[in-house]
Amino acid sequence: MDEQQHDRRVRGALKAWMAASRMLARETARETKRTLLKANDAMADGIIRGLARIDAAFPTEKPQEPGSPPSKSKEQ
């Protein structure tokens, strides 16, 4: 094998390695994105459940209907 053939083989191997490296980087980025989206969804669900518990623990007054007299506060 002469030097030119060797150089062509080395360049071909390097190009193949670079292409495989790019494909792996893309797949890793996709997998990372999926993982982050799942974590974000889980966090949002946790926050919603937490807010629902707080809402249940501290019920608020129902809004007054138009035309009804305002409710008297406990201090009066």
Foldseek 3Di string as FASTA:
>chain_A
DDPVVVVVVVVVVVVVVVVVVVVVVVVVVVVVVVVVVVVVVVVVVVVVVVVVVVCVVDPDDDDDDPPDDDDDDPVD
